[in-house]
């Protein structure tokens, strides 16, 4: 049982929750009832398994530093590093062949995602500020993945809003690492104000993008009561403020924050209920 727990953390299965964002394009683009639920499962597991393979490579590569930076719940024998890498590439090859027969565009997205991740893990994460944008790009790629998988067209508002949110989260992650004095990161205490500014800038831009979406008359055709979108705007502001203040205060990883912060759960659930229930397509 202990070994199973180690594998759970080594492959970061608990981080699969991040991959739920592939369903966001369905949520904002068309009613859920038109989608084949088998496709939900297949595409979710393709991306989740790919993510676990990438986490595995990263955990092997960063094992020495991670033992210093944080309390890890798995052990590795670095004398077997070549065997770990061989297992990782074999797993990736098997998964990528399977994805080719499912959807060829998804196949290419997965390849790009994988090699971008390796570039980040072995090189780009040492590049100050660029690494924050790469972190955001990973999340945007998840949304593009969902858009392609479920054949949903993404609006520019949606892409810009999500990008701003992910840049806010990425910069917040770096702030936490500065506070914890991670040894394998390019940021120092002197960078804290700059990273803090980036976090606040993109949180403001996220609200601004949603505001412009709220007042855009072209969106009215999609909603039963167009006034309710302003209630969603208020909830977005509250979600961001809750994240900025309470997540930082508790010094939590974003995944732990999603799991444990009850206020965040209530606010996000309220947002989705109001937004989804107000969609014209929900009742068609």
Protein backbone atom coordinates (compact mmCIF):
# COMPACT_ATOMS: atom_id res chain seq x y z
CA UNK A 1 0.00 0.00 0.00
CA UNK A 2 2.87 2.41 0.80
CA UNK A 3 4.39 1.78 -2.62
CA UNK A 4 1.07 2.55 -4.31
CA UNK A 5 0.96 5.86 -2.41
CA UNK A 6 4.48 6.63 -3.60
CA UNK A 7 3.48 6.03 -7.24
CA UNK A 8 0.40 8.22 -6.67
CA UNK A 9 2.63 11.16 -5.74
CA UNK A 10 5.47 10.32 -8.13
CA UNK A 11 3.09 10.51 -11.10
CA UNK A 12 1.05 13.28 -9.42
CA UNK A 13 -2.31 11.60 -9.96
CA UNK A 14 -3.87 14.16 -7.63
CA UNK A 15 -2.92 16.84 -10.19
CA UNK A 16 -5.28 15.28 -12.73
CA UNK A 17 -7.84 17.76 -11.45
CA UNK A 18 -6.03 20.40 -13.54
CA UNK A 19 -7.01 18.49 -16.68
CA UNK A 20 -10.70 19.08 -16.02
CA UNK A 21 -10.23 22.41 -17.79
CA UNK A 22 -10.36 20.55 -21.11
CA UNK A 23 -14.13 20.50 -20.54
CA UNK A 24 -14.39 24.29 -20.27
CA UNK A 25 -14.80 24.71 -24.06
CA UNK A 26 -17.83 22.41 -23.92
CA UNK A 27 -19.25 24.42 -21.05
CA UNK A 28 -18.97 27.79 -22.79
CA UNK A 29 -19.50 26.56 -26.34
CA UNK A 30 -22.40 24.11 -26.47
CA UNK A 31 -24.77 22.08 -24.27
CA UNK A 32 -23.20 19.11 -22.51
CA UNK A 33 -25.98 16.76 -23.65
CA UNK A 34 -24.70 16.83 -27.27
CA UNK A 35 -21.37 15.28 -26.33
CA UNK A 36 -20.55 11.57 -26.30
CA UNK A 37 -19.56 10.77 -22.71
CA UNK A 38 -17.19 8.04 -23.90
CA UNK A 39 -15.18 10.81 -25.54
CA UNK A 40 -15.03 12.61 -22.21
CA UNK A 41 -13.33 9.62 -20.63
CA UNK A 42 -10.96 8.83 -23.51
CA UNK A 43 -9.68 12.37 -24.03
CA UNK A 44 -9.42 13.07 -20.32
CA UNK A 45 -7.31 9.96 -19.73
CA UNK A 46 -5.06 10.61 -22.73
CA UNK A 47 -4.13 14.05 -21.40
CA UNK A 48 -3.97 12.90 -17.77
CA UNK A 49 -1.65 10.00 -18.56
CA UNK A 50 0.50 12.31 -20.69
CA UNK A 51 0.68 14.76 -17.78
CA UNK A 52 1.70 11.98 -15.39
CA UNK A 53 4.48 10.87 -17.74
CA UNK A 54 5.74 14.46 -17.88
CA UNK A 55 5.53 14.79 -14.08
CA UNK A 56 7.51 11.56 -13.83
CA UNK A 57 10.32 12.98 -16.00
CA UNK A 58 10.30 16.19 -13.99
CA UNK A 59 10.37 14.39 -10.63
CA UNK A 60 13.28 12.21 -11.73
CA UNK A 61 15.23 15.20 -13.05
CA UNK A 62 14.56 17.38 -9.98
CA UNK A 63 14.74 14.68 -7.32
CA UNK A 64 17.87 15.98 -5.58
CA UNK A 65 16.60 19.57 -5.39
CA UNK A 66 13.05 18.54 -4.46
CA UNK A 67 14.33 16.65 -1.43
CA UNK A 68 15.75 19.96 -0.21
CA UNK A 69 12.96 22.28 -1.39
CA UNK A 70 9.96 20.37 -0.08
CA UNK A 71 8.73 17.27 1.66
CA UNK A 72 8.26 14.63 -1.02
CA UNK A 73 6.31 11.42 -0.58
CA UNK A 74 8.22 9.11 -2.89
CA UNK A 75 11.76 7.77 -3.17
CA UNK A 76 13.94 7.21 -6.24
CA UNK A 77 17.21 5.40 -6.83
CA UNK A 78 19.12 7.82 -9.06
CA UNK A 79 21.53 5.03 -10.03
CA UNK A 80 18.61 3.79 -12.15
CA UNK A 81 18.01 7.15 -13.80
CA UNK A 82 18.50 5.76 -17.32
CA UNK A 83 15.92 3.07 -16.67
CA UNK A 84 13.45 5.68 -15.43
CA UNK A 85 13.92 7.71 -18.61
CA UNK A 86 13.57 4.59 -20.76
CA UNK A 87 10.30 3.72 -18.99
CA UNK A 88 9.08 7.30 -19.48
CA UNK A 89 9.80 7.37 -23.21
CA UNK A 90 8.32 3.90 -23.69
CA UNK A 91 5.13 5.00 -21.90
CA UNK A 92 4.99 8.19 -23.97
CA UNK A 93 5.47 6.30 -27.24
CA UNK A 94 2.68 3.86 -26.39
CA UNK A 95 0.30 6.67 -25.43
CA UNK A 96 1.12 8.83 -28.44
CA UNK A 97 0.52 5.94 -30.86
CA UNK A 98 -2.87 5.36 -29.25
CA UNK A 99 -3.73 9.08 -29.55
CA UNK A 100 -2.85 9.00 -33.27
CA UNK A 101 -5.61 6.50 -33.95
CA UNK A 102 -8.08 8.50 -31.86
CA UNK A 103 -7.50 11.97 -33.33
CA UNK A 104 -4.53 13.09 -35.44
CA UNK A 105 -4.76 16.75 -34.38
CA UNK A 106 -4.78 15.64 -30.74
CA UNK A 107 -1.74 13.52 -31.60
CA UNK A 108 0.21 16.61 -32.70
CA UNK A 109 -0.97 18.67 -29.72
CA UNK A 110 0.25 15.91 -27.38
CA UNK A 111 3.64 15.77 -29.08
CA UNK A 112 4.04 19.56 -28.85
CA UNK A 113 2.88 19.53 -25.21
CA UNK A 114 5.33 16.76 -24.33
CA UNK A 115 8.42 18.31 -25.90
CA UNK A 116 7.54 21.78 -24.63
CA UNK A 117 7.31 20.22 -21.16
CA UNK A 118 10.72 18.59 -21.51
CA UNK A 119 12.19 21.89 -22.72
CA UNK A 120 10.65 23.60 -19.70
CA UNK A 121 11.78 20.96 -17.19
CA UNK A 122 15.36 20.79 -18.44
CA UNK A 123 15.97 24.40 -19.53
CA UNK A 124 13.19 27.02 -19.72
CA UNK A 125 12.21 26.95 -16.05
CA UNK A 126 15.58 28.50 -15.31
CA UNK A 127 14.70 31.52 -17.47
CA UNK A 128 13.29 34.28 -15.31
CA UNK A 129 9.77 35.48 -16.29
CA UNK A 130 9.74 33.37 -19.47
CA UNK A 131 8.96 30.38 -17.26
CA UNK A 132 5.75 32.06 -16.03
CA UNK A 133 4.49 32.43 -19.60
CA UNK A 134 5.38 28.82 -20.37
CA UNK A 135 3.41 27.68 -17.32
CA UNK A 136 0.41 29.64 -18.61
CA UNK A 137 0.88 28.15 -22.08
CA UNK A 138 0.57 24.63 -20.66
CA UNK A 139 -2.90 25.48 -19.34
CA UNK A 140 -3.93 27.23 -22.56
CA UNK A 141 -2.85 24.13 -24.48
CA UNK A 142 -5.16 22.07 -22.28
CA UNK A 143 -8.05 24.29 -23.33
CA UNK A 144 -7.05 24.10 -27.01
CA UNK A 145 -6.87 20.31 -26.55
CA UNK A 146 -10.45 20.32 -25.25
CA UNK A 147 -11.57 22.59 -28.07
CA UNK A 148 -10.16 20.25 -30.70
CA UNK A 149 -11.27 17.06 -28.95
CA UNK A 150 -14.87 18.19 -28.56
CA UNK A 151 -15.07 20.34 -31.72
CA UNK A 152 -15.85 23.61 -29.95
CA UNK A 153 -14.78 26.99 -31.33
CA UNK A 154 -13.11 29.27 -28.77
CA UNK A 155 -13.88 32.98 -28.58
CA UNK A 156 -11.12 35.56 -28.26
CA UNK A 157 -12.62 36.74 -24.95
CA UNK A 158 -12.39 33.22 -23.56
CA UNK A 159 -8.78 32.72 -24.67
CA UNK A 160 -7.65 36.12 -23.32
CA UNK A 161 -9.47 35.66 -20.01
CA UNK A 162 -8.04 32.17 -19.42
CA UNK A 163 -4.53 33.29 -20.41
CA UNK A 164 -4.66 36.16 -17.90
CA UNK A 165 -5.91 33.82 -15.16
CA UNK A 166 -3.16 31.30 -15.85
CA UNK A 167 -0.48 34.01 -15.83
CA UNK A 168 -1.83 35.18 -12.47
CA UNK A 169 -1.63 31.60 -11.12
CA UNK A 170 1.86 31.06 -12.58
CA UNK A 171 3.26 34.22 -11.02
CA UNK A 172 1.63 33.31 -7.72
CA UNK A 173 3.39 29.94 -7.86
CA UNK A 174 6.71 31.72 -8.23
CA UNK A 175 5.93 33.98 -5.26
CA UNK A 176 5.35 30.92 -3.10
CA UNK A 177 8.68 29.47 -4.25
CA UNK A 178 10.48 32.71 -3.40
CA UNK A 179 8.98 32.57 0.09
CA UNK A 180 10.17 28.97 0.44
CA UNK A 181 13.65 29.78 -0.98
CA UNK A 182 13.64 27.05 -3.64
CA UNK A 183 17.22 26.40 -4.71
CA UNK A 184 16.54 25.39 -8.34
CA UNK A 185 14.61 28.51 -9.37
CA UNK A 186 16.02 31.71 -10.92
CA UNK A 187 14.09 34.02 -8.58
CA UNK A 188 15.52 35.71 -5.52
CA UNK A 189 13.99 37.79 -2.76
CA UNK A 190 14.84 40.91 -4.79
CA UNK A 191 12.49 39.69 -7.57
CA UNK A 192 9.51 39.47 -5.26
CA UNK A 193 8.06 42.91 -6.03
CA UNK A 194 8.33 42.34 -9.79
CA UNK A 195 6.58 38.97 -9.62
CA UNK A 196 3.95 40.42 -7.30
CA UNK A 197 3.30 43.18 -9.87
CA UNK A 198 2.90 40.57 -12.65
CA UNK A 199 0.39 38.68 -10.52
CA UNK A 200 -1.69 41.79 -9.82
CA UNK A 201 -1.43 42.98 -13.44
CA UNK A 202 -2.85 39.80 -14.91
CA UNK A 203 -5.53 39.47 -12.24
CA UNK A 204 -6.67 42.99 -13.23
CA UNK A 205 -6.51 42.10 -16.94
CA UNK A 206 -8.64 38.99 -16.33
CA UNK A 207 -11.34 41.13 -14.72
CA UNK A 208 -11.02 43.72 -17.49
CA UNK A 209 -11.47 41.09 -20.24
CA UNK A 210 -14.56 39.68 -18.52
CA UNK A 211 -15.93 43.21 -18.11
CA UNK A 212 -15.59 43.92 -21.85
CA UNK A 213 -17.25 40.58 -22.53
CA UNK A 214 -20.11 41.58 -20.19
CA UNK A 215 -20.84 44.80 -22.09
CA UNK A 216 -20.39 43.32 -25.57
CA UNK A 217 -23.88 43.28 -27.19
CA UNK A 218 -22.91 40.33 -29.41
CA UNK A 219 -22.98 38.02 -26.40
CA UNK A 220 -26.67 38.74 -25.61
CA UNK A 221 -27.91 36.10 -28.06
CA UNK A 222 -26.34 33.40 -25.90
CA UNK A 223 -28.07 34.33 -22.63
CA UNK A 224 -31.66 34.36 -21.42
CA UNK A 225 -31.10 37.22 -18.93
CA UNK A 226 -28.15 39.33 -20.10
CA UNK A 227 -28.11 41.23 -16.80
CA UNK A 228 -27.01 38.09 -14.92
CA UNK A 229 -23.63 38.22 -16.63
CA UNK A 230 -22.79 41.18 -14.37
CA UNK A 231 -23.43 38.96 -11.36
CA UNK A 232 -20.90 36.55 -12.90
CA UNK A 233 -18.48 39.49 -13.16
CA UNK A 234 -18.87 40.19 -9.44
CA UNK A 235 -18.24 36.51 -8.68
CA UNK A 236 -15.10 36.56 -10.85
CA UNK A 237 -13.79 39.52 -8.84
CA UNK A 238 -14.54 37.70 -5.58
CA UNK A 239 -12.88 34.48 -6.80
CA UNK A 240 -9.73 36.37 -7.80
CA UNK A 241 -9.58 38.33 -4.55
CA UNK A 242 -10.08 35.14 -2.53
CA UNK A 243 -7.26 33.50 -4.47
CA UNK A 244 -4.88 36.46 -4.17
CA UNK A 245 -5.26 36.92 -0.44
CA UNK A 246 -6.14 33.55 1.10
CA UNK A 247 -4.14 31.25 -1.16
CA UNK A 248 -1.00 33.32 -0.59
CA UNK A 249 -1.70 33.63 3.13
CA UNK A 250 -1.86 29.86 3.59
CA UNK A 251 1.15 29.29 1.33
CA UNK A 252 -0.67 26.48 -0.51
CA UNK A 253 -0.07 24.85 -3.84
CA UNK A 254 -2.88 25.73 -6.27
CA UNK A 255 -4.13 22.12 -6.32
CA UNK A 256 -4.39 22.03 -2.53
CA UNK A 257 -6.17 25.40 -2.65
CA UNK A 258 -8.76 24.01 -5.09
CA UNK A 259 -9.31 20.97 -2.88
CA UNK A 260 -9.43 22.69 0.51
CA UNK A 261 -10.65 26.29 0.18
CA UNK A 262 -14.40 26.15 0.85
CA UNK A 263 -14.99 29.78 -0.09
CA UNK A 264 -13.37 29.19 -3.46
CA UNK A 265 -15.55 26.11 -4.00
CA UNK A 266 -18.76 28.01 -3.20
CA UNK A 267 -17.84 30.98 -5.40
CA UNK A 268 -16.81 28.86 -8.38
CA UNK A 269 -19.86 26.61 -8.06
CA UNK A 270 -22.13 29.68 -7.89
CA UNK A 271 -20.45 31.13 -10.97
CA UNK A 272 -20.97 27.97 -13.00
CA UNK A 273 -24.59 27.49 -11.89
CA UNK A 274 -25.55 31.06 -12.78
CA UNK A 275 -23.58 31.14 -16.05
CA UNK A 276 -24.64 27.70 -17.23
CA UNK A 277 -28.27 28.11 -16.18
CA UNK A 278 -28.46 31.37 -18.08
CA UNK A 279 -27.24 29.93 -21.39
CA UNK A 280 -29.87 29.69 -24.13
CA UNK A 281 -28.18 26.54 -25.47
CA UNK A 282 -28.73 24.73 -22.16
CA UNK A 283 -32.46 24.56 -22.85
CA UNK A 284 -32.28 23.67 -26.55
